[in-house]
Amino acid sequence: MDVKDNQIVSINVELTNSCPLRCPQCYCHLEGGKHIDPEVAKARIREAADHGAITVSLSGGETLCYPYLYELIEYAAGKVENVNVALSGWHFDSEVLKKLVDAGVTGICISLNGSTEEINALTRDGYQYAINGLQVLSENHFPNSYINWVMHSNNTDDFPNIVALAEKYNIQTVDIIMFKPDAKDCLSSYPSGEQMKQISDFIHAYHGKVDIVPEACFSPLRALVYNYGWIGNFNSGPTRGCGAGIYIYSVNTEGHYSPCRHLDYYEDFSSLDEYLEKSELIQKIRHFEEDLREPCSGCSLQKYCRPCIAITDKMYGGIYKGHEPCTAWKLNEYVLR
């Protein structure tokens, strides 16, 4: 992906902090049932579009709890190319799908961390909602469908079964999401480097119809997956890793700006231009690699990876701290030298 200077590629809008589920891994603070004012949301989407954004992602909480969802999708669809919604599957049926499509949604993500209720329950709630959601997408032949699978140390072995579910329900893509700190700033089931290699090996060996895509901010895994030996490592350039505050940002239910929904630094500026110019945090983020510390600073994957600053900040006290839970750097025989 080519990213121009100061271009915003994607904006995430947190529509609501209401949710009927209580997922063990949840990083949201769900108390209060706050919804973003639809006019504020439209203003933020319009700003992003003016900065070249091509994607608006709408999330929660539970996205379907937001009372102005279809209105906002229709507005966003008139401003950007892609409007994606993330759902648990709660209250999702064919009628809701039709309303989403009619409003202009282009992508629907169903959250699922395990192929069985037992495995899913280790980190997520609502297994049957998710399965029903996949069924709805399949029965209605919705093309741009995704499973959002958060990789943990306790569900890695189950990943081939997730891909099999995607095949069964004709889901186009499985997005591999990196586990970020939960609402209590815990990171208890972060996968090991060996487990990342296990997933990378599976992706390289897989030749089925499902696209398997590690998200950009899961940079250690991407650096392994997109390593092609003597040809080079294709995970390079500005989009090789965490894009928070660089080419993506987030807006919370108050309408305040943050580099990423996983960073609790929401700032109240009058406009996106003012935020990008005057936020001290944004300026630090755009230069954080200059002072990045061990183990990242000495990693053989460093130029193919930009680590998640939500982890370094929440778990280790600053964006310059090294990405200590990552052990991909130990796999020296596997990386490009």
Protein backbone atom coordinates (compact mmCIF):
# COMPACT_ATOMS: atom_id res chain seq x y z
CA MET A 1 0.00 0.00 0.00
CA ASP A 2 1.36 3.41 -0.99
CA VAL A 3 0.88 6.00 1.74
CA LYS A 4 1.57 9.66 1.02
CA ASP A 5 2.93 12.05 3.63
CA ASN A 6 0.25 13.02 6.16
CA GLN A 7 -2.34 10.82 4.44
CA ILE A 8 -4.86 9.16 6.70
CA VAL A 9 -5.66 5.74 5.30
CA SER A 10 -8.18 4.57 7.86
CA ILE A 11 -10.23 5.88 10.77
CA ASN A 12 -11.88 3.80 13.44
CA VAL A 13 -15.00 5.26 15.03
CA GLU A 14 -16.09 3.82 18.36
CA LEU A 15 -19.85 4.11 18.11
CA THR A 16 -20.83 2.88 21.54
CA ASN A 17 -19.51 1.31 24.72
CA SER A 18 -22.71 -0.70 25.15
CA CYS A 19 -22.34 -4.45 24.71
CA PRO A 20 -24.37 -7.46 25.88
CA LEU A 21 -21.26 -9.66 25.99
CA ARG A 22 -18.44 -9.83 28.48
CA CYS A 23 -15.37 -11.20 26.72
CA PRO A 24 -12.38 -12.14 28.92
CA GLN A 25 -9.97 -10.42 26.50
CA CYS A 26 -12.03 -7.22 26.16
CA TYR A 27 -10.05 -3.99 26.18
CA CYS A 28 -13.11 -1.71 26.28
CA HIS A 29 -14.59 -0.04 29.33
CA LEU A 30 -18.24 -0.97 28.87
CA GLU A 31 -19.84 0.93 31.72
CA GLY A 32 -22.29 3.75 31.03
CA GLY A 33 -23.77 2.89 27.65
CA LYS A 34 -22.39 6.00 25.91
CA HIS A 35 -23.14 6.51 22.17
CA ILE A 36 -21.24 8.92 19.94
CA ASP A 37 -23.33 11.85 18.71
CA PRO A 38 -24.07 11.05 15.03
CA GLU A 39 -23.29 14.60 13.92
CA VAL A 40 -19.93 14.48 15.67
CA ALA A 41 -19.21 11.12 14.04
CA LYS A 42 -20.09 12.53 10.62
CA ALA A 43 -17.77 15.49 11.16
CA ARG A 44 -14.90 13.18 12.08
CA ILE A 45 -15.54 10.97 9.03
CA ARG A 46 -15.65 14.02 6.77
CA GLU A 47 -12.29 15.20 8.14
CA ALA A 48 -10.75 11.80 7.52
CA ALA A 49 -12.07 11.75 3.95
CA ASP A 50 -10.57 15.19 3.36
CA HIS A 51 -7.20 13.70 4.40
CA GLY A 52 -7.49 10.90 1.84
CA ALA A 53 -8.95 8.16 4.03
CA ILE A 54 -10.22 5.18 2.05
CA THR A 55 -11.65 3.15 4.93
CA VAL A 56 -13.96 3.87 7.84
CA SER A 57 -14.23 1.10 10.43
CA LEU A 58 -17.20 1.21 12.79
CA SER A 59 -16.91 -0.64 16.07
CA GLY A 60 -18.03 -0.74 19.70
CA GLY A 61 -18.87 -2.17 22.19
CA GLU A 62 -21.41 -4.02 20.13
CA THR A 63 -21.88 -2.11 16.90
CA LEU A 64 -25.52 -3.13 16.53
CA CYS A 65 -26.31 -1.39 19.84
CA TYR A 66 -25.74 1.96 18.15
CA PRO A 67 -29.11 3.57 17.31
CA TYR A 68 -27.84 5.58 14.31
CA LEU A 69 -25.80 2.82 12.68
CA TYR A 70 -27.48 2.71 9.27
CA GLU A 71 -27.58 6.50 8.99
CA LEU A 72 -23.87 6.71 9.73
CA ILE A 73 -22.97 3.92 7.29
CA GLU A 74 -24.88 5.71 4.54
CA TYR A 75 -23.04 8.94 5.29
CA ALA A 76 -19.62 7.26 5.39
CA ALA A 77 -20.32 5.36 2.15
CA GLY A 78 -20.72 8.72 0.42
CA LYS A 79 -17.28 9.83 1.63
CA VAL A 80 -14.90 6.85 1.42
CA GLU A 81 -14.43 3.65 -0.57
CA ASN A 82 -14.79 1.15 2.26
CA VAL A 83 -17.13 1.06 5.24
CA ASN A 84 -16.49 -1.90 7.52
CA VAL A 85 -18.42 -2.98 10.60
CA ALA A 86 -17.25 -5.36 13.31
CA LEU A 87 -19.96 -7.55 14.86
CA SER A 88 -20.19 -10.26 17.47
CA GLY A 89 -23.20 -11.78 15.70
CA TRP A 90 -25.59 -10.63 18.43
CA HIS A 91 -29.04 -9.81 16.95
CA PHE A 92 -27.57 -10.27 13.47
CA ASP A 93 -29.91 -11.86 10.93
CA SER A 94 -30.80 -11.62 7.23
CA GLU A 95 -32.98 -8.56 7.78
CA VAL A 96 -30.17 -6.70 9.56
CA LEU A 97 -27.74 -7.75 6.83
CA LYS A 98 -30.03 -6.30 4.17
CA LYS A 99 -30.23 -3.00 6.04
CA LEU A 100 -26.45 -2.88 6.32
CA VAL A 101 -25.99 -3.59 2.62
CA ASP A 102 -28.66 -1.09 1.61
CA ALA A 103 -26.93 1.55 3.72
CA GLY A 104 -23.66 0.92 1.90
CA VAL A 105 -21.54 -1.34 4.08
CA THR A 106 -18.72 -2.99 2.15
CA GLY A 107 -17.18 -5.32 4.74
CA ILE A 108 -18.51 -7.27 7.73
CA CYS A 109 -16.23 -8.78 10.36
CA ILE A 110 -17.43 -11.48 12.76
CA SER A 111 -15.37 -11.91 15.93
CA LEU A 112 -14.47 -15.52 16.72
CA ASN A 113 -11.48 -16.89 18.64
CA GLY A 114 -12.22 -20.61 18.67
CA SER A 115 -13.79 -23.26 16.48
CA THR A 116 -15.58 -24.68 19.52
CA GLU A 117 -17.43 -22.97 22.33
CA GLU A 118 -14.87 -24.25 24.83
CA ILE A 119 -11.87 -22.74 23.04
CA ASN A 120 -13.66 -19.52 22.15
CA ALA A 121 -14.78 -19.02 25.77
CA LEU A 122 -11.16 -18.83 26.92
CA THR A 123 -10.99 -15.32 25.47
CA ARG A 124 -14.40 -14.40 23.98
CA ASP A 125 -18.08 -14.53 24.83
CA GLY A 126 -20.92 -15.21 22.37
CA TYR A 127 -19.72 -18.26 20.44
CA GLN A 128 -23.16 -19.18 19.12
CA TYR A 129 -23.83 -15.59 18.08
CA ALA A 130 -20.67 -15.70 15.96
CA ILE A 131 -21.54 -19.04 14.35
CA ASN A 132 -25.03 -17.78 13.55
CA GLY A 133 -23.46 -14.66 12.06
CA LEU A 134 -21.27 -16.73 9.76
CA GLN A 135 -24.36 -18.70 8.73
CA VAL A 136 -26.24 -15.49 7.86
CA LEU A 137 -23.35 -14.23 5.73
CA SER A 138 -23.09 -17.57 3.96
CA GLU A 139 -26.80 -17.99 3.27
CA ASN A 140 -27.01 -14.49 1.80
CA HIS A 141 -23.78 -14.80 -0.21
CA PHE A 142 -22.26 -11.64 1.25
CA PRO A 143 -18.90 -11.35 -0.52
CA ASN A 144 -16.62 -9.22 1.67
CA SER A 145 -16.83 -11.22 4.87
CA TYR A 146 -14.20 -11.65 7.54
CA ILE A 147 -13.49 -13.62 10.67
CA ASN A 148 -11.56 -11.53 13.20
CA TRP A 149 -9.46 -14.12 15.04
CA VAL A 150 -7.35 -12.82 17.93
CA MET A 151 -4.27 -14.99 18.35
CA HIS A 152 -3.55 -16.15 21.89
CA SER A 153 -1.23 -18.73 23.34
CA ASN A 154 -4.29 -20.87 24.15
CA ASN A 155 -5.93 -20.98 20.70
CA THR A 156 -3.00 -21.22 18.28
CA ASP A 157 -3.36 -24.97 17.73
CA ASP A 158 -7.01 -24.42 16.81
CA PHE A 159 -6.26 -22.03 13.95
CA PRO A 160 -6.57 -24.64 11.14
CA ASN A 161 -10.10 -25.33 12.42
CA ILE A 162 -10.94 -21.60 12.19
CA VAL A 163 -9.83 -21.63 8.56
CA ALA A 164 -11.95 -24.75 8.00
CA LEU A 165 -14.96 -22.88 9.41
CA ALA A 166 -14.25 -20.02 7.03
CA GLU A 167 -14.23 -22.49 4.14
CA LYS A 168 -17.47 -24.07 5.33
CA TYR A 169 -19.29 -20.73 5.51
CA ASN A 170 -17.65 -19.23 2.41
CA ILE A 171 -15.97 -16.48 4.42
CA GLN A 172 -13.53 -14.58 2.26
CA THR A 173 -10.85 -13.64 4.77
CA VAL A 174 -9.51 -14.61 8.17
CA ASP A 175 -7.84 -11.60 9.78
CA ILE A 176 -5.29 -12.55 12.41
CA ILE A 177 -5.51 -9.93 15.14
CA MET A 178 -2.79 -9.33 17.70
CA PHE A 179 -3.81 -9.60 21.34
CA LYS A 180 -3.56 -6.15 22.91
CA PRO A 181 -3.78 -5.36 26.64
CA ASP A 182 -7.26 -5.89 28.05
CA ALA A 183 -9.28 -3.38 30.07
CA LYS A 184 -7.11 -4.14 33.13
CA ASP A 185 -3.91 -3.69 31.09
CA CYS A 186 -3.14 -7.40 31.26
CA LEU A 187 -1.54 -9.47 28.50
CA SER A 188 -1.66 -12.92 30.01
CA SER A 189 -1.94 -15.10 26.91
CA TYR A 190 0.37 -13.45 24.40
CA PRO A 191 1.62 -16.05 21.88
CA SER A 192 5.25 -17.07 21.71
CA GLY A 193 7.59 -16.62 18.79
CA GLU A 194 7.42 -20.36 18.17
CA GLN A 195 3.65 -20.13 17.94
CA MET A 196 3.96 -17.24 15.49
CA LYS A 197 6.25 -19.41 13.38
CA GLN A 198 3.64 -22.19 13.61
CA ILE A 199 0.99 -19.88 12.15
CA SER A 200 3.41 -18.56 9.54
CA ASP A 201 4.22 -22.10 8.43
CA PHE A 202 0.53 -22.91 8.17
CA ILE A 203 -0.12 -19.84 6.02
CA HIS A 204 2.73 -20.73 3.66
CA ALA A 205 1.47 -24.31 3.34
CA TYR A 206 -2.19 -23.38 2.89
CA HIS A 207 -3.55 -23.35 -0.67
CA GLY A 208 -7.28 -23.08 -0.02
CA LYS A 209 -9.80 -20.43 -0.98
CA VAL A 210 -9.61 -18.33 2.20
CA ASP A 211 -7.33 -15.30 2.38
CA ILE A 212 -5.34 -15.35 5.62
CA VAL A 213 -4.11 -11.89 6.56
CA PRO A 214 -2.21 -10.86 9.69
CA GLU A 215 -3.32 -7.33 10.56
CA ALA A 216 -0.75 -4.60 10.05
CA CYS A 217 -0.20 -4.01 13.76
CA PHE A 218 0.67 -7.69 14.26
CA SER A 219 4.02 -6.74 12.86
CA PRO A 220 6.16 -9.55 14.37
CA LEU A 221 3.93 -12.15 12.71
CA ARG A 222 3.83 -10.26 9.42
CA ALA A 223 7.62 -10.05 9.42
CA LEU A 224 7.73 -13.84 9.58
CA VAL A 225 4.90 -14.48 7.12
CA TYR A 226 6.19 -12.10 4.45
CA ASN A 227 9.80 -13.26 4.60
CA TYR A 228 10.78 -14.88 1.30
CA GLY A 229 14.39 -15.84 1.90
CA TRP A 230 16.76 -14.62 -0.79
CA ILE A 231 14.00 -12.60 -2.50
CA GLY A 232 13.51 -10.32 0.48
CA ASN A 233 10.99 -9.51 3.17
CA PHE A 234 7.86 -7.97 1.71
CA ASN A 235 6.76 -6.51 5.05
CA SER A 236 8.49 -3.19 4.56
CA GLY A 237 7.75 0.48 4.14
CA PRO A 238 5.40 2.71 6.13
CA THR A 239 2.66 0.07 6.42
CA ARG A 240 4.93 -2.70 7.72
CA GLY A 241 3.52 -2.49 11.24
CA CYS A 242 1.75 -0.32 13.78
CA GLY A 243 0.22 2.61 11.93
CA ALA A 244 -1.21 4.36 14.99
CA GLY A 245 -0.86 8.10 14.60
CA ILE A 246 0.93 7.64 11.28
CA TYR A 247 -1.71 6.58 8.79
CA ILE A 248 -4.57 5.47 11.05
CA TYR A 249 -6.27 6.95 14.07
CA SER A 250 -9.36 6.51 16.19
CA VAL A 251 -12.27 8.55 17.54
CA ASN A 252 -14.03 7.57 20.76
CA THR A 253 -17.64 8.00 21.85
CA GLU A 254 -16.87 11.53 23.05
CA GLY A 255 -15.60 12.47 19.60
CA HIS A 256 -12.03 12.82 20.86
CA TYR A 257 -8.97 11.75 18.87
CA SER A 258 -6.46 9.02 19.65
CA PRO A 259 -3.73 7.39 17.54
CA CYS A 260 -5.38 4.01 18.14
CA ARG A 261 -8.39 2.70 20.03
CA HIS A 262 -5.99 0.65 22.14
CA LEU A 263 -4.15 3.76 23.36
CA ASP A 264 -6.00 5.62 26.10
CA TYR A 265 -4.76 9.03 25.03
CA TYR A 266 -7.90 10.71 23.74
CA GLU A 267 -7.41 14.40 23.09
CA ASP A 268 -9.99 17.09 22.42
CA PHE A 269 -8.95 19.24 19.47
CA SER A 270 -11.17 21.42 17.32
CA SER A 271 -10.16 19.64 14.12
CA LEU A 272 -8.10 16.78 12.75
CA ASP A 273 -5.62 19.26 11.27
CA GLU A 274 -5.04 20.79 14.69
CA TYR A 275 -4.69 17.34 16.26
CA LEU A 276 -2.11 16.14 13.75
CA GLU A 277 -0.14 19.38 14.05
CA LYS A 278 -0.29 20.11 17.77
CA SER A 279 -0.61 16.78 19.59
CA GLU A 280 2.70 16.09 21.32
CA LEU A 281 1.87 12.39 21.34
CA ILE A 282 1.47 12.31 17.57
CA GLN A 283 4.89 13.91 17.15
CA LYS A 284 6.48 11.38 19.51
CA ILE A 285 4.87 8.46 17.71
CA ARG A 286 6.13 9.63 14.34
CA HIS A 287 9.70 9.53 15.66
CA PHE A 288 9.50 6.75 18.23
CA GLU A 289 11.68 4.34 16.26
CA GLU A 290 14.64 6.68 16.68
CA ASP A 291 14.76 5.84 20.41
CA LEU A 292 13.32 2.33 20.39
CA ARG A 293 14.89 0.06 23.00
CA GLU A 294 15.71 -3.62 23.44
CA PRO A 295 14.72 -6.20 22.40
CA CYS A 296 13.35 -4.34 19.35
CA SER A 297 16.41 -2.15 18.76
CA GLY A 298 18.64 -5.20 18.35
CA CYS A 299 16.19 -7.46 16.53
CA SER A 300 17.10 -8.97 13.18
CA LEU A 301 13.54 -8.23 12.06
CA GLN A 302 13.65 -4.56 13.03
CA LYS A 303 13.52 -3.04 9.56
CA TYR A 304 10.57 -5.31 8.71
CA CYS A 305 8.60 -4.58 11.86
CA ARG A 306 7.05 -1.67 13.70
CA PRO A 307 5.84 -3.02 17.06
CA CYS A 308 2.49 -2.25 18.67
CA ILE A 309 2.94 0.84 20.82
CA ALA A 310 -0.20 0.06 22.82
CA ILE A 311 1.64 -2.94 24.26
CA THR A 312 4.89 -1.12 24.91
CA ASP A 313 3.07 1.80 26.51
CA LYS A 314 0.50 -0.02 28.64
CA MET A 315 2.67 -2.92 29.72
CA TYR A 316 6.10 -1.34 29.98
CA GLY A 317 5.49 2.33 30.60
CA GLY A 318 6.27 4.10 27.35
CA ILE A 319 6.11 3.95 23.57
CA TYR A 320 9.91 3.78 23.36
CA LYS A 321 10.10 0.60 25.40
CA GLY A 322 10.94 -2.60 23.54
CA HIS A 323 8.19 -5.08 22.71
CA GLU A 324 9.20 -7.43 25.51
CA PRO A 325 6.52 -10.16 25.10
CA CYS A 326 7.59 -10.78 21.51
CA THR A 327 10.07 -13.62 21.07
CA ALA A 328 10.05 -13.70 17.26
CA TRP A 329 13.53 -12.17 17.43
CA LYS A 330 14.84 -15.48 18.81
CA LEU A 331 14.02 -17.30 15.59
CA ASN A 332 17.30 -16.34 13.97
CA GLU A 333 17.37 -19.34 11.65
CA TYR A 334 14.00 -18.31 10.23
CA VAL A 335 14.42 -14.61 9.53
CA LEU A 336 16.03 -12.80 6.64
CA ARG A 337 19.54 -11.62 7.45
